[in-house]
Structures are given as C-alpha cells and as structure tokens.
Amino acid sequence: MQVLAKRADNLKYLVICLALLVIADGILTQYLTTQGLGIEANPFLNTVVGESKFMLIKISGALLVSLLLWDMYRLKPKVAIISSTVAVVAYTVIVYWNISIFFITQI
C-alpha cells in the first residue's frame, strides 16, 4: 500500500512539473516568435502563435494532459508514470532549447 502511495506522489510531481513545463514552453515560444527570433514547430499551433488564444490553448492542453495522465494512473499506474516521465524529459529539452535560443539571440 505504501508503494502505491509513493507512486501516486511521484505521478503528482511529474504531472505538476509537466504542466509547468508546457506553460513555460508557451511563454518562451510566444516571446521568441513575436520578436522574430524563433518559430512554432507545431503546425496546429503555428497559426495562433502571437494571439491571446495561444496561451489559452497551451494552458488548456497542459491541464487536459495532466487529467488524462492522472486518470490513466488508475488503470495502468506504471504506464502513466513512464509516460509522464518521458513527457517531462521531452518538454525539459524543449524548454532548454527555447532558453538557449533566447540567450544566443540576446548576445
């Protein structure tokens, strides 16, 4: 029982971290694209970047994915934790990439 509680705590931290990373990616992407320093790689979001609904879509997407991962945990805890970990690693790379673009273009 204690192992399940620890897994739930791990998932909680992963989901929160993922949501914050998605929002950070949105903020950085919004800034970089509006300043002409970068582009949005997602073709679905490319048309709305720079508009106010871009951040609304990013935040809504982050919350939706968080809820889906939490729901997945009830049925397949290991799959939910692995999926969350992979997503956190991927978004960490994306956010670091955006930060590096920001610093490179400011020098």
N, C-alpha and C. Protein backbone atom coordinates (compact mmCIF):
# COMPACT_ATOMS: atom_id res chain seq x y z
N MET A 1 0.82 -1.19 0.00
CA MET A 1 0.00 0.00 0.00
C MET A 1 0.86 1.26 0.00
N GLN A 2 1.96 1.21 0.74
CA GLN A 2 2.84 2.35 0.81
C GLN A 2 3.52 2.61 -0.53
N VAL A 3 3.79 1.55 -1.29
CA VAL A 3 4.40 1.69 -2.61
C VAL A 3 3.44 2.43 -3.55
N LEU A 4 2.15 2.10 -3.50
CA LEU A 4 1.17 2.77 -4.33
C LEU A 4 1.05 4.25 -3.98
N ALA A 5 1.12 4.56 -2.70
CA ALA A 5 1.05 5.95 -2.27
C ALA A 5 2.27 6.72 -2.77
N LYS A 6 3.44 6.07 -2.72
CA LYS A 6 4.67 6.71 -3.22
C LYS A 6 4.59 6.93 -4.72
N ARG A 7 4.03 5.95 -5.46
CA ARG A 7 3.85 6.12 -6.91
C ARG A 7 2.90 7.26 -7.21
N ALA A 8 1.84 7.36 -6.43
CA ALA A 8 0.88 8.45 -6.64
C ALA A 8 1.54 9.80 -6.39
N ASP A 9 2.39 9.89 -5.37
CA ASP A 9 3.13 11.13 -5.12
C ASP A 9 4.06 11.44 -6.28
N ASN A 10 4.75 10.41 -6.78
CA ASN A 10 5.65 10.60 -7.92
C ASN A 10 4.88 11.12 -9.13
N LEU A 11 3.73 10.54 -9.39
CA LEU A 11 2.93 10.98 -10.52
C LEU A 11 2.44 12.41 -10.32
N LYS A 12 2.06 12.73 -9.11
CA LYS A 12 1.60 14.09 -8.82
C LYS A 12 2.69 15.10 -9.16
N TYR A 13 3.92 14.84 -8.73
CA TYR A 13 5.02 15.75 -9.01
C TYR A 13 5.34 15.80 -10.50
N LEU A 14 5.29 14.65 -11.17
CA LEU A 14 5.55 14.61 -12.61
C LEU A 14 4.50 15.40 -13.38
N VAL A 15 3.23 15.24 -13.02
CA VAL A 15 2.15 15.93 -13.72
C VAL A 15 2.24 17.43 -13.49
N ILE A 16 2.52 17.85 -12.28
CA ILE A 16 2.69 19.28 -11.99
C ILE A 16 3.87 19.84 -12.77
N CYS A 17 4.97 19.11 -12.76
CA CYS A 17 6.17 19.53 -13.49
C CYS A 17 5.87 19.63 -14.98
N LEU A 18 5.16 18.65 -15.52
CA LEU A 18 4.82 18.66 -16.94
C LEU A 18 3.96 19.87 -17.29
N ALA A 19 2.96 20.13 -16.49
CA ALA A 19 2.08 21.28 -16.75
C ALA A 19 2.87 22.59 -16.72
N LEU A 20 3.77 22.74 -15.75
CA LEU A 20 4.58 23.95 -15.67
C LEU A 20 5.54 24.07 -16.85
N LEU A 21 6.09 22.94 -17.30
CA LEU A 21 6.98 22.97 -18.46
C LEU A 21 6.24 23.34 -19.74
N VAL A 22 5.03 22.84 -19.91
CA VAL A 22 4.23 23.18 -21.09
C VAL A 22 3.91 24.69 -21.08
N ILE A 23 3.58 25.21 -19.94
CA ILE A 23 3.28 26.65 -19.83
C ILE A 23 4.55 27.47 -20.07
N ALA A 24 5.69 27.03 -19.52
CA ALA A 24 6.95 27.73 -19.77
C ALA A 24 7.29 27.71 -21.26
N ASP A 25 7.06 26.57 -21.90
CA ASP A 25 7.29 26.48 -23.35
C ASP A 25 6.41 27.47 -24.08
N GLY A 26 5.17 27.59 -23.67
CA GLY A 26 4.26 28.54 -24.31
C GLY A 26 4.73 29.98 -24.16
N ILE A 27 5.15 30.35 -22.96
CA ILE A 27 5.62 31.71 -22.71
C ILE A 27 6.87 32.01 -23.55
N LEU A 28 7.82 31.09 -23.53
CA LEU A 28 9.05 31.29 -24.30
C LEU A 28 8.77 31.33 -25.80
N THR A 29 7.93 30.42 -26.28
CA THR A 29 7.60 30.39 -27.70
C THR A 29 6.89 31.67 -28.12
N GLN A 30 5.95 32.12 -27.30
CA GLN A 30 5.23 33.36 -27.59
C GLN A 30 6.22 34.51 -27.73
N TYR A 31 7.15 34.61 -26.80
CA TYR A 31 8.12 35.71 -26.84
C TYR A 31 9.03 35.59 -28.06
N LEU A 32 9.59 34.40 -28.26
CA LEU A 32 10.55 34.23 -29.35
C LEU A 32 9.92 34.46 -30.72
N THR A 33 8.69 33.99 -30.90
CA THR A 33 8.06 34.15 -32.21
C THR A 33 7.62 35.60 -32.45
N THR A 34 7.10 36.26 -31.43
CA THR A 34 6.66 37.64 -31.63
C THR A 34 7.85 38.59 -31.84
N GLN A 35 9.01 38.20 -31.34
CA GLN A 35 10.22 39.01 -31.54
C GLN A 35 10.95 38.64 -32.83
N GLY A 36 10.45 37.62 -33.53
CA GLY A 36 11.09 37.18 -34.77
C GLY A 36 12.35 36.37 -34.55
N LEU A 37 12.48 35.79 -33.36
CA LEU A 37 13.69 35.04 -33.02
C LEU A 37 13.53 33.54 -33.18
N GLY A 38 12.31 33.08 -33.38
CA GLY A 38 12.07 31.64 -33.50
C GLY A 38 10.73 31.39 -34.16
N ILE A 39 10.41 30.09 -34.29
CA ILE A 39 9.15 29.68 -34.89
C ILE A 39 8.49 28.64 -34.00
N GLU A 40 7.20 28.48 -34.18
CA GLU A 40 6.46 27.41 -33.50
C GLU A 40 6.54 26.18 -34.39
N ALA A 41 7.08 25.10 -33.87
CA ALA A 41 7.27 23.89 -34.66
C ALA A 41 5.98 23.10 -34.84
N ASN A 42 5.02 23.29 -33.95
CA ASN A 42 3.76 22.56 -34.04
C ASN A 42 2.88 23.22 -35.11
N PRO A 43 2.60 22.51 -36.21
CA PRO A 43 1.82 23.14 -37.28
C PRO A 43 0.40 23.51 -36.87
N PHE A 44 -0.16 22.85 -35.88
CA PHE A 44 -1.51 23.17 -35.42
C PHE A 44 -1.53 24.48 -34.62
N LEU A 45 -0.45 24.75 -33.91
CA LEU A 45 -0.38 25.98 -33.11
C LEU A 45 0.29 27.12 -33.84
N ASN A 46 0.96 26.82 -34.94
CA ASN A 46 1.69 27.83 -35.68
C ASN A 46 0.79 28.98 -36.14
N THR A 47 -0.45 28.67 -36.43
CA THR A 47 -1.36 29.71 -36.93
C THR A 47 -1.87 30.64 -35.83
N VAL A 48 -1.80 30.22 -34.58
CA VAL A 48 -2.35 31.06 -33.50
C VAL A 48 -1.26 31.65 -32.60
N VAL A 49 0.00 31.31 -32.85
CA VAL A 49 1.06 31.87 -32.01
C VAL A 49 1.10 33.38 -32.22
N GLY A 50 1.25 34.09 -31.12
CA GLY A 50 1.21 35.54 -31.17
C GLY A 50 -0.15 36.10 -30.83
N GLU A 51 -1.17 35.26 -30.82
CA GLU A 51 -2.50 35.70 -30.44
C GLU A 51 -2.75 35.33 -28.98
N SER A 52 -3.75 35.96 -28.39
CA SER A 52 -4.04 35.70 -26.98
C SER A 52 -4.53 34.27 -26.75
N LYS A 53 -5.17 33.68 -27.75
CA LYS A 53 -5.68 32.32 -27.55
C LYS A 53 -4.57 31.26 -27.56
N PHE A 54 -3.36 31.63 -27.99
CA PHE A 54 -2.24 30.68 -27.99
C PHE A 54 -1.97 30.17 -26.58
N MET A 55 -1.85 31.09 -25.63
CA MET A 55 -1.57 30.67 -24.24
C MET A 55 -2.76 29.95 -23.64
N LEU A 56 -3.95 30.34 -24.01
CA LEU A 56 -5.14 29.63 -23.54
C LEU A 56 -5.12 28.17 -24.01
N ILE A 57 -4.73 27.97 -25.27
CA ILE A 57 -4.63 26.61 -25.81
C ILE A 57 -3.53 25.82 -25.10
N LYS A 58 -2.38 26.45 -24.87
CA LYS A 58 -1.28 25.77 -24.18
C LYS A 58 -1.67 25.37 -22.76
N ILE A 59 -2.28 26.29 -22.03
CA ILE A 59 -2.68 26.00 -20.65
C ILE A 59 -3.77 24.95 -20.62
N SER A 60 -4.75 25.06 -21.51
CA SER A 60 -5.82 24.06 -21.57
C SER A 60 -5.25 22.69 -21.92
N GLY A 61 -4.33 22.66 -22.86
CA GLY A 61 -3.70 21.39 -23.24
C GLY A 61 -2.92 20.78 -22.09
N ALA A 62 -2.20 21.62 -21.35
CA ALA A 62 -1.44 21.13 -20.20
C ALA A 62 -2.37 20.53 -19.14
N LEU A 63 -3.47 21.21 -18.88
CA LEU A 63 -4.42 20.70 -17.89
C LEU A 63 -5.09 19.41 -18.37
N LEU A 64 -5.44 19.36 -19.65
CA LEU A 64 -6.08 18.17 -20.20
C LEU A 64 -5.14 16.96 -20.14
N VAL A 65 -3.89 17.15 -20.53
CA VAL A 65 -2.93 16.05 -20.48
C VAL A 65 -2.70 15.62 -19.04
N SER A 66 -2.64 16.56 -18.13
CA SER A 66 -2.46 16.23 -16.71
C SER A 66 -3.61 15.37 -16.20
N LEU A 67 -4.83 15.76 -16.55
CA LEU A 67 -6.00 14.98 -16.13
C LEU A 67 -6.02 13.59 -16.77
N LEU A 68 -5.65 13.51 -18.03
CA LEU A 68 -5.61 12.21 -18.71
C LEU A 68 -4.56 11.28 -18.09
N LEU A 69 -3.40 11.83 -17.76
CA LEU A 69 -2.37 11.02 -17.12
C LEU A 69 -2.81 10.56 -15.73
N TRP A 70 -3.47 11.44 -15.01
CA TRP A 70 -3.96 11.07 -13.68
C TRP A 70 -5.01 9.98 -13.78
N ASP A 71 -5.89 10.09 -14.78
CA ASP A 71 -6.91 9.07 -15.00
C ASP A 71 -6.28 7.75 -15.43
N MET A 72 -5.27 7.84 -16.29
CA MET A 72 -4.56 6.64 -16.75
C MET A 72 -3.93 5.90 -15.57
N TYR A 73 -3.50 6.65 -14.57
CA TYR A 73 -2.85 6.05 -13.41
C TYR A 73 -3.75 5.05 -12.70
N ARG A 74 -5.05 5.30 -12.70
CA ARG A 74 -5.97 4.38 -12.02
C ARG A 74 -5.97 3.00 -12.69
N LEU A 75 -5.86 2.99 -14.02
CA LEU A 75 -5.91 1.72 -14.76
C LEU A 75 -4.53 1.08 -14.94
N LYS A 76 -3.56 1.89 -15.28
CA LYS A 76 -2.21 1.40 -15.57
C LYS A 76 -1.18 2.33 -14.92
N PRO A 77 -0.90 2.14 -13.64
CA PRO A 77 -0.01 3.07 -12.94
C PRO A 77 1.39 3.17 -13.55
N LYS A 78 1.98 2.03 -13.91
CA LYS A 78 3.33 2.07 -14.47
C LYS A 78 3.36 2.81 -15.81
N VAL A 79 2.36 2.57 -16.64
CA VAL A 79 2.30 3.24 -17.94
C VAL A 79 2.16 4.75 -17.75
N ALA A 80 1.35 5.15 -16.78
CA ALA A 80 1.16 6.58 -16.52
C ALA A 80 2.45 7.23 -16.04
N ILE A 81 3.18 6.55 -15.17
CA ILE A 81 4.43 7.11 -14.66
C ILE A 81 5.49 7.17 -15.75
N ILE A 82 5.59 6.12 -16.54
CA ILE A 82 6.57 6.11 -17.64
C ILE A 82 6.22 7.19 -18.66
N SER A 83 4.95 7.29 -19.03
CA SER A 83 4.51 8.30 -20.00
C SER A 83 4.78 9.71 -19.47
N SER A 84 4.49 9.93 -18.22
CA SER A 84 4.73 11.24 -17.61
C SER A 84 6.21 11.57 -17.59
N THR A 85 7.03 10.60 -17.26
CA THR A 85 8.48 10.81 -17.21
C THR A 85 9.02 11.16 -18.59
N VAL A 86 8.59 10.43 -19.59
CA VAL A 86 9.03 10.70 -20.96
C VAL A 86 8.60 12.10 -21.39
N ALA A 87 7.37 12.47 -21.08
CA ALA A 87 6.87 13.79 -21.44
C ALA A 87 7.64 14.90 -20.73
N VAL A 88 7.94 14.70 -19.44
CA VAL A 88 8.71 15.69 -18.68
C VAL A 88 10.11 15.85 -19.28
N VAL A 89 10.75 14.74 -19.61
CA VAL A 89 12.08 14.82 -20.21
C VAL A 89 12.01 15.54 -21.55
N ALA A 90 11.03 15.20 -22.38
CA ALA A 90 10.89 15.84 -23.69
C ALA A 90 10.65 17.34 -23.55
N TYR A 91 9.75 17.73 -22.67
CA TYR A 91 9.47 19.16 -22.51
C TYR A 91 10.62 19.90 -21.83
N THR A 92 11.39 19.21 -21.00
CA THR A 92 12.58 19.83 -20.42
C THR A 92 13.57 20.18 -21.53
N VAL A 93 13.76 19.25 -22.45
CA VAL A 93 14.64 19.51 -23.60
C VAL A 93 14.12 20.68 -24.42
N ILE A 94 12.82 20.70 -24.68
CA ILE A 94 12.22 21.79 -25.46
C ILE A 94 12.40 23.14 -24.77
N VAL A 95 12.15 23.18 -23.47
CA VAL A 95 12.28 24.45 -22.73
C VAL A 95 13.74 24.89 -22.71
N TYR A 96 14.68 23.95 -22.48
CA TYR A 96 16.09 24.33 -22.52
C TYR A 96 16.49 24.82 -23.91
N TRP A 97 15.95 24.20 -24.96
CA TRP A 97 16.23 24.65 -26.32
C TRP A 97 15.75 26.09 -26.49
N ASN A 98 14.53 26.36 -26.05
CA ASN A 98 13.99 27.72 -26.17
C ASN A 98 14.81 28.73 -25.37
N ILE A 99 15.23 28.33 -24.18
CA ILE A 99 16.06 29.22 -23.36
C ILE A 99 17.39 29.49 -24.04
N SER A 100 17.97 28.45 -24.64
CA SER A 100 19.26 28.66 -25.34
C SER A 100 19.08 29.60 -26.52
N ILE A 101 17.98 29.47 -27.26
CA ILE A 101 17.70 30.38 -28.37
C ILE A 101 17.58 31.81 -27.83
N PHE A 102 16.89 31.96 -26.72
CA PHE A 102 16.74 33.28 -26.12
C PHE A 102 18.09 33.90 -25.80
N PHE A 103 18.95 33.14 -25.13
CA PHE A 103 20.26 33.68 -24.73
C PHE A 103 21.18 33.89 -25.92
N ILE A 104 21.14 33.00 -26.88
CA ILE A 104 22.01 33.15 -28.06
C ILE A 104 21.63 34.41 -28.84
N THR A 105 20.35 34.67 -28.96
CA THR A 105 19.93 35.84 -29.73
C THR A 105 20.10 37.15 -28.96
N GLN A 106 20.29 37.08 -27.66
CA GLN A 106 20.46 38.30 -26.86
C GLN A 106 21.91 38.73 -26.76
N ILE A 107 22.82 37.89 -27.21
CA ILE A 107 24.26 38.22 -27.10
C ILE A 107 24.71 38.98 -28.32
